[in-house]
Protein backbone atom coordinates (compact mmCIF):
# COMPACT_ATOMS: atom_id res chain seq x y z
CA MET A 1 88.07 114.87 154.40
CA SER A 2 91.05 112.72 153.60
CA ALA A 3 92.47 112.48 150.10
CA THR A 4 92.82 108.98 148.86
CA GLY A 5 94.07 107.63 145.58
CA THR A 6 97.20 107.76 143.52
CA PRO A 7 99.06 111.04 142.93
CA HIS A 8 97.97 111.02 139.29
CA GLU A 9 94.30 110.71 140.28
CA LEU A 10 94.61 113.56 142.78
CA THR A 11 96.33 115.94 140.37
CA GLY A 12 94.31 114.94 137.33
CA ALA A 13 97.44 114.18 135.33
CA ALA A 14 97.66 111.28 132.92
CA PRO A 15 99.14 108.15 134.47
CA PRO A 16 102.46 106.74 133.25
CA PRO A 17 102.46 104.18 130.44
CA SER A 18 100.98 100.89 131.55
CA ARG A 19 103.24 97.95 132.12
CA PRO A 20 102.77 94.47 130.75
CA ASP A 21 100.44 92.28 132.74
CA ARG A 22 101.50 89.05 134.39
CA GLY A 23 101.16 87.15 131.15
CA GLY A 24 103.67 89.40 129.39
CA ARG A 25 100.97 90.93 127.18
CA ARG A 26 100.22 94.61 126.93
CA LEU A 27 96.76 95.94 127.54
CA PRO A 28 94.64 96.92 124.51
CA ARG A 29 95.02 100.46 123.24
CA ALA A 30 94.08 102.52 120.22
CA LEU A 31 96.79 102.67 117.57
CA HIS A 32 97.92 106.09 116.40
CA PRO A 33 95.54 107.15 113.57
CA ALA A 34 98.41 108.35 111.39
CA ALA A 35 99.86 104.83 111.40
CA TRP A 36 96.66 103.41 109.94
CA TRP A 37 96.52 106.15 107.29
CA VAL A 38 100.16 105.61 106.28
CA TRP A 39 99.53 101.86 106.04
CA ALA A 40 96.35 102.27 103.97
CA LEU A 41 97.76 104.89 101.60
CA ALA A 42 100.91 102.84 101.05
CA LEU A 43 98.78 99.79 100.24
CA ALA A 44 96.70 101.90 97.84
CA THR A 45 99.94 103.00 96.18
CA ALA A 46 100.92 99.35 95.79
CA VAL A 47 97.51 98.60 94.25
CA SER A 48 98.05 101.30 91.63
CA ARG A 49 101.07 99.36 90.41
CA THR A 50 99.15 96.26 89.28
CA ASP A 51 95.95 95.14 87.61
CA ASN A 52 96.50 91.44 88.25
CA PRO A 53 93.09 90.24 89.49
CA LEU A 54 94.61 87.61 91.77
CA LEU A 55 96.75 90.19 93.55
CA LEU A 56 93.83 92.62 93.77
CA LEU A 57 91.59 89.98 95.33
CA LEU A 58 94.40 89.20 97.77
CA VAL A 59 94.50 92.89 98.73
CA LEU A 60 90.76 92.82 99.46
CA ALA A 61 91.26 89.73 101.61
CA VAL A 62 94.08 91.44 103.54
CA LEU A 63 91.96 94.54 104.09
CA GLY A 64 89.04 92.46 105.30
CA TYR A 65 91.25 90.55 107.75
CA VAL A 66 92.89 93.64 109.23
CA VAL A 67 89.60 95.53 109.56
CA THR A 68 87.90 92.54 111.18
CA ALA A 69 90.77 91.99 113.61
CA ARG A 70 91.43 95.60 114.65
CA ARG A 71 88.26 97.64 114.26
CA THR A 72 86.59 99.09 117.35
CA GLU A 73 82.94 99.36 118.36
CA ALA A 74 82.69 103.03 117.35
CA PRO A 75 79.99 104.09 114.84
CA TRP A 76 82.48 104.82 112.04
CA ALA A 77 84.08 101.38 112.49
CA ARG A 78 81.01 99.71 110.99
CA GLY A 79 81.24 101.33 107.57
CA PHE A 80 83.69 99.03 105.79
CA VAL A 81 80.87 96.90 104.42
CA HIS A 82 79.48 100.02 102.73
CA TYR A 83 82.85 100.62 101.09
CA LEU A 84 82.71 97.07 99.78
CA GLY A 85 79.29 97.82 98.30
CA LEU A 86 80.68 100.97 96.71
CA ALA A 87 83.58 98.96 95.31
CA LEU A 88 81.21 96.45 93.75
CA THR A 89 79.23 99.32 92.23
CA VAL A 90 82.40 100.73 90.69
CA VAL A 91 83.21 97.38 89.06
CA VAL A 92 79.69 97.01 87.69
CA ILE A 93 79.65 100.55 86.28
CA ARG A 94 83.04 100.00 84.62
CA VAL A 95 81.83 96.78 82.96
CA VAL A 96 78.57 98.40 81.82
CA PHE A 97 80.41 101.34 80.27
CA ARG A 98 82.78 99.01 78.48
CA ALA A 99 79.86 96.99 77.12
CA VAL A 100 77.90 100.06 76.00
CA PHE A 101 80.86 101.85 74.45
CA ALA A 102 82.06 98.68 72.77
CA THR A 103 85.11 98.65 70.55
CA GLY A 104 84.10 95.63 68.51
CA ILE A 105 85.45 92.11 68.42
CA THR A 106 88.73 91.14 66.84
CA PRO A 107 89.38 87.68 65.38
CA GLY A 108 90.04 85.19 68.13
CA ASP A 109 87.93 86.89 70.80
CA HIS A 110 85.23 84.99 72.64
CA PHE A 111 81.79 86.39 71.80
CA LEU A 112 79.40 86.85 74.74
CA PHE A 113 76.41 88.89 73.56
CA ALA A 114 75.49 91.80 71.33
CA LEU A 115 73.80 95.07 72.28
CA PRO A 116 71.69 97.12 69.86
CA HIS A 117 73.95 99.29 67.78
CA LEU A 118 73.19 103.02 67.67
CA ALA A 119 74.46 105.09 64.77
CA THR A 120 76.53 108.12 65.82
CA PRO A 121 76.98 111.40 63.89
CA ASP A 122 80.14 112.24 62.02
CA TRP A 123 81.43 114.61 64.71
CA TYR A 124 81.13 111.72 67.19
CA ALA A 125 83.34 109.45 65.10
CA GLY A 126 85.53 106.96 66.92
CA ILE A 127 82.93 106.13 69.58
CA GLN A 128 80.69 103.10 69.05
CA LEU A 129 77.46 102.69 71.01
CA GLY A 130 76.41 99.08 71.37
CA GLY A 131 77.46 96.16 69.28
CA PRO A 132 79.08 92.80 70.03
CA VAL A 133 80.78 92.35 73.41
CA SER A 134 83.60 89.87 73.97
CA LEU A 135 84.67 88.03 77.11
CA GLU A 136 88.11 89.62 76.90
CA ALA A 137 86.61 93.12 76.98
CA VAL A 138 84.43 92.32 80.00
CA LEU A 139 87.33 90.81 81.96
CA SER A 140 89.60 93.73 81.12
CA ALA A 141 86.97 96.24 82.26
CA ALA A 142 86.29 94.27 85.44
CA THR A 143 90.00 94.24 86.27
CA ASP A 144 90.29 98.01 85.75
CA GLY A 145 87.28 98.56 87.98
CA LEU A 146 88.67 96.15 90.58
CA ARG A 147 91.86 98.17 90.86
CA LEU A 148 89.91 101.36 91.56
CA ALA A 149 87.68 99.42 93.95
CA CYS A 150 90.71 98.25 95.93
CA MET A 151 91.92 101.84 96.26
CA LEU A 152 88.52 102.88 97.60
CA CYS A 153 88.58 99.99 100.06
CA CYS A 154 92.05 101.07 101.26
CA VAL A 155 90.68 104.50 102.10
CA GLY A 156 87.63 102.87 103.65
CA ALA A 157 89.87 100.71 105.83
CA ALA A 158 91.71 103.80 107.07
CA ASN A 159 88.39 105.50 107.88
CA THR A 160 87.25 102.36 109.69
CA LEU A 161 90.38 101.77 111.75
CA ALA A 162 91.48 105.34 112.52
CA ASN A 163 89.51 107.45 114.97
CA PRO A 164 88.72 110.70 113.07
CA LYS A 165 88.62 112.70 116.30
CA ARG A 166 92.05 111.47 117.29
CA ALA A 167 93.36 112.06 113.78
CA LEU A 168 92.46 115.72 114.23
CA ARG A 169 95.16 116.00 116.88
CA VAL A 170 98.03 115.22 114.51
CA LEU A 171 97.08 117.82 111.91
CA PRO A 172 99.27 120.93 111.69
CA GLY A 173 97.92 124.01 113.40
CA ALA A 174 97.34 125.75 110.06
CA LEU A 175 94.90 122.99 109.03
CA HIS A 176 93.09 122.77 112.35
CA GLU A 177 89.87 124.50 111.23
CA LEU A 178 89.76 122.48 108.01
CA GLY A 179 90.38 119.30 109.97
CA VAL A 180 87.52 120.05 112.35
CA ALA A 181 85.16 120.59 109.42
CA VAL A 182 86.24 117.30 107.82
CA THR A 183 85.90 115.46 111.13
CA VAL A 184 82.39 116.78 111.64
CA ALA A 185 81.44 115.84 108.07
CA VAL A 186 82.85 112.32 108.43
CA SER A 187 81.00 111.81 111.72
CA VAL A 188 77.61 112.91 110.39
CA ALA A 189 76.72 109.75 108.47
CA PRO A 190 77.55 107.26 111.27
CA GLN A 191 75.69 109.38 113.82
CA LEU A 192 72.68 109.61 111.52
CA VAL A 193 72.61 105.84 111.08
CA GLN A 194 72.92 105.44 114.83
CA SER A 195 70.01 107.82 115.39
CA ILE A 196 67.81 105.93 112.92
CA GLN A 197 68.61 102.63 114.62
CA ARG A 198 67.85 104.09 118.04
CA VAL A 199 64.51 105.55 116.91
CA SER A 200 63.52 102.31 115.15
CA ARG A 201 64.35 100.31 118.29
CA ALA A 202 62.24 102.66 120.39
CA ARG A 203 59.28 102.32 118.01
CA LYS A 204 59.50 98.53 118.21
CA LEU A 205 59.47 98.67 122.00
CA ARG A 206 56.31 100.79 121.84
CA ALA A 207 54.66 98.17 119.62
CA GLY A 208 54.25 100.52 116.73
CA ARG A 209 52.52 98.79 113.85
CA THR A 210 52.85 101.55 111.27
CA ARG A 211 55.14 100.58 108.41
CA GLY A 212 56.20 101.84 105.03
CA ILE A 213 55.52 105.43 104.03
CA ARG A 214 53.26 106.00 107.02
CA ALA A 215 56.10 105.22 109.41
CA LEU A 216 58.37 107.80 107.79
CA ARG A 217 56.87 110.67 109.76
CA GLY A 218 57.38 108.88 113.05
CA VAL A 219 61.05 108.27 112.21
CA VAL A 220 62.13 111.46 110.44
CA ILE A 221 61.03 113.92 113.14
CA PRO A 222 62.84 112.19 116.05
CA VAL A 223 65.94 111.70 113.89
CA LEU A 224 66.03 115.38 112.90
CA GLU A 225 65.48 116.39 116.51
CA ASP A 226 68.34 114.17 117.62
CA ALA A 227 70.59 115.54 114.86
CA LEU A 228 69.78 119.12 115.91
CA GLU A 229 70.51 118.31 119.53
CA ARG A 230 73.85 116.77 118.58
CA SER A 231 74.70 119.85 116.49
CA LEU A 232 73.95 122.17 119.40
CA ARG A 233 76.09 120.09 121.75
CA LEU A 234 78.93 120.08 119.23
CA ALA A 235 78.70 123.86 118.77
CA ALA A 236 78.75 124.40 122.54
CA ALA A 237 81.76 122.08 122.92
CA MET A 238 83.66 123.84 120.13
CA ASP A 239 82.86 127.25 121.59
CA SER A 240 84.02 126.20 125.07
CA ARG A 241 87.30 124.96 123.61
CA GLY A 242 88.03 128.24 121.85
CA TYR A 243 87.40 127.08 118.31
CA GLY A 244 87.63 129.88 115.77
CA ARG A 245 89.79 132.21 117.81
CA SER A 246 92.48 134.02 115.87
CA GLY A 247 96.08 134.36 116.90
CA GLY A 248 98.42 137.28 116.62
CA ALA A 249 99.49 136.78 113.03
CA THR A 250 100.29 139.93 111.08
CA ARG A 251 99.25 140.68 107.53
CA ARG A 252 102.83 140.13 106.38
CA SER A 253 102.86 136.67 108.01
CA ARG A 254 99.58 135.69 106.35
CA ARG A 255 100.84 136.79 102.95
CA ALA A 256 104.07 134.87 103.39
CA THR A 257 102.10 131.76 104.38
CA GLY A 258 99.89 132.03 101.31
CA ALA A 259 102.86 132.54 99.01
CA LEU A 260 104.73 129.54 100.43
CA MET A 261 101.70 127.28 100.13
CA LEU A 262 100.98 128.42 96.56
CA LEU A 263 104.57 127.94 95.42
CA GLY A 264 104.71 124.60 97.23
CA MET A 265 101.58 123.33 95.50
CA CYS A 266 102.96 124.41 92.13
CA GLY A 267 106.19 122.56 92.90
CA LEU A 268 104.30 119.40 93.86
CA CYS A 269 102.24 119.49 90.67
CA THR A 270 105.30 120.14 88.52
CA GLY A 271 107.29 117.39 90.20
CA ALA A 272 104.47 114.86 89.87
CA TYR A 273 104.12 115.66 86.18
CA GLY A 274 107.87 115.40 85.70
CA LEU A 275 107.99 111.96 87.28
CA LEU A 276 105.09 110.68 85.18
CA ASP A 277 106.28 112.13 81.85
CA ALA A 278 109.59 110.74 80.64
CA THR A 279 110.10 113.61 78.16
CA THR A 280 110.19 116.25 80.92
CA PRO A 281 113.65 117.53 81.98
CA ALA A 282 115.09 115.75 85.00
CA PHE A 283 115.21 118.85 87.21
CA LEU A 284 111.40 119.15 86.94
CA GLY A 285 110.89 115.70 88.46
CA ALA A 286 112.13 114.67 91.89
CA PRO A 287 113.94 117.98 92.66
CA ALA A 288 110.80 120.02 91.97
CA LEU A 289 108.74 117.59 94.04
CA ALA A 290 111.15 117.83 96.99
CA LEU A 291 111.26 121.63 96.75
CA GLY A 292 107.46 121.84 96.66
CA ALA A 293 107.16 119.59 99.69
CA ALA A 294 109.69 121.72 101.59
CA LEU A 295 107.80 124.92 100.75
CA CYS A 296 104.49 123.38 101.87
CA VAL A 297 106.02 122.28 105.17
CA ALA A 298 107.45 125.77 105.70
CA GLY A 299 104.06 127.33 104.94
CA LEU A 300 102.27 124.99 107.33
CA ARG A 301 104.74 125.73 110.14
CA LEU A 302 104.51 129.46 109.57
CA GLY A 303 100.71 129.36 109.39
CA GLY A 304 100.51 127.18 112.48
CA ARG A 305 102.04 129.89 114.64
CA ARG A 306 98.81 131.87 114.68
CA VAL A 307 96.85 128.89 116.04
CA THR A 308 97.47 128.10 119.69
CA ARG A 309 96.05 124.76 120.69
CA THR A 310 96.97 121.95 123.02
CA ALA A 311 96.37 118.21 122.90
CA TYR A 312 95.11 116.33 125.93
CA ARG A 313 96.90 112.99 126.24
CA PRO A 314 98.56 112.92 122.79
CA ASP A 315 98.53 109.55 121.10
CA PRO A 316 101.89 107.80 121.49
CA TRP A 317 103.96 106.69 118.54
CA ARG A 318 105.81 103.57 119.56
CA ALA A 319 106.99 100.27 118.10
CA PRO A 320 103.53 99.03 116.96
CA GLU A 321 103.00 102.25 115.00
CA TRP A 322 106.36 101.89 113.29
CA ALA A 323 105.62 98.25 112.52
CA VAL A 324 102.18 98.92 111.00
CA ALA A 325 103.29 101.90 108.92
CA GLY A 326 106.48 100.12 107.87
CA SER A 327 104.61 97.02 106.69
CA GLY A 328 102.54 99.14 104.31
CA VAL A 329 105.48 101.20 103.04
CA LEU A 330 107.63 98.10 102.53
CA SER A 331 104.81 96.44 100.62
CA ALA A 332 104.60 99.39 98.22
CA ALA A 333 108.39 99.49 97.86
CA LEU A 334 108.53 95.80 96.90
CA LEU A 335 105.88 96.23 94.21
CA PHE A 336 107.63 99.27 92.75
CA GLY A 337 111.11 97.76 93.03
CA ASP A 338 110.65 95.14 90.26
CA LEU A 339 113.13 92.88 92.06
CA GLY A 340 112.86 89.11 91.91
CA TYR A 341 109.96 88.90 89.46
CA ASP A 342 108.90 89.83 85.95
CA PRO A 343 107.12 93.22 85.93
CA ALA A 344 104.85 91.93 83.15
CA GLN A 345 103.21 89.62 85.70
CA LEU A 346 101.73 92.66 87.44
CA ASN A 347 99.82 93.63 84.31
CA PRO A 348 98.62 90.48 82.54
CA THR A 349 96.99 90.75 79.15
CA TYR A 350 93.66 89.29 78.08
CA TYR A 351 94.47 89.38 74.36
CA PRO A 352 94.80 86.44 73.91
CA LEU A 353 92.84 85.20 76.91
CA THR A 354 95.17 83.52 79.42
CA TRP A 355 95.04 82.79 83.14
CA PRO A 356 97.06 85.40 85.07
CA GLY A 357 100.05 84.24 87.06
CA LEU A 358 100.68 84.82 90.75
CA PRO A 359 104.20 86.21 91.22
CA LEU A 360 105.86 85.25 94.47
CA VAL A 361 107.43 88.56 95.55
CA PRO A 362 104.29 90.73 95.05
CA THR A 363 102.22 88.09 96.83
CA ALA A 364 104.62 88.11 99.77
CA ALA A 365 104.56 91.94 99.77
CA ILE A 366 100.77 92.04 100.05
CA LEU A 367 100.79 89.38 102.77
CA LEU A 368 103.40 91.48 104.56
CA ALA A 369 100.92 94.35 104.67
CA GLY A 370 98.44 91.94 106.23
CA THR A 371 100.73 91.49 109.24
CA ALA A 372 99.40 94.84 110.47
CA GLY A 373 96.54 92.86 111.99
CA LEU A 374 99.09 91.00 114.12
CA LEU A 375 101.62 93.76 114.79
CA SER A 376 99.06 96.28 116.03
CA PRO A 377 97.71 96.04 119.58
CA PRO A 378 94.13 94.84 120.05
CA PRO A 379 91.60 97.68 120.18
CA PRO A 380 90.15 98.70 123.54
CA PRO A 381 86.87 96.92 124.30
CA HIS A 382 85.23 100.10 125.55
CA HIS A 383 82.89 102.34 123.62
CA GLU A 384 84.66 105.22 121.92
CA ASP A 385 83.22 107.83 124.27
CA ARG A 386 84.34 105.90 127.33
CA ALA A 387 87.74 105.17 125.85
CA ASP A 388 88.39 108.88 125.29
CA ARG A 389 87.85 109.54 128.99
CA ARG A 390 90.34 106.93 130.11
CA PRO A 391 94.13 107.00 129.85
CA ASP A 392 95.50 105.26 126.81
CA PRO A 393 97.31 102.11 127.97
CA THR A 394 100.35 101.02 126.06
């Protein structure tokens, strides 16, 4: 029996990075999941800086473009529309709460409608239930809700674009078990939706005419059976890969890890409070935040020694990853820099009611974050399961 094939195929090793094709273009590949998370979190940080509705709507447009251009065919890549629905729900709830807990109308406001006023007891003074609602109050509440909705959509974009199974590889060893639990929890909902779709398709092929409540029994049992089968396969895969095994960490090492993590978390909380409160001494701001971060990193490295794990074909971090992550970080830096524009344009007022302006530099910063859809490589056209079995081309 003669051995044929390349040396990498015979040895089972991963092939070298792929070269550009004849057209000078690189083959599609999956971007490093950490790059998408850095980009999304940086854009969410930029969103927290403004409540200008024009800029917030531009952020939603940028998120929609990048997700549409770079999402894969995996089950979790179809959930961005649900995040948009959740964002709309947040805006509606914020407006309803503002209308119910109305603060009254001041002279010059535009009256919209009036809700029945409910008298409150003396100990509940300061809170008004019902009453007249103005257009300024509704627009202000909608803008506040829109800012929170944009942050949720940023996280939803990261969940849509980044493969949660690949993201598990970049976690520190000390957080490996927690990362596996989060990955399994994130994958449950898409797999459940996929199971329901598969069972419904099978029932249609069998010409099932039962609908409504009567059809629930014929759908629930196969879906639960499929979910149980998936759980058993996942447990067997985790067991075969040595999940849950303990390393050789001593009691002294575990105590040192816990102490470093606890002190690091306290430093992060103190530093964050010091940066947000101007009356706090300066040494409790950035220095405490840096010290807390250093202690957390030391605790994670020390705790990771007791977990021995390897990564098969680690995701590369190359120029596209730097470009995507840098576009998000630079966008946040421009919005926090207050250079070249009036900071008041980021937070327009509705008292009196005026049309918000569109500052040039923040607009360019948000559009810069949208270049991630062009700077990142196109996603692989394969299904996620097939793509994981193949080498990652660059």
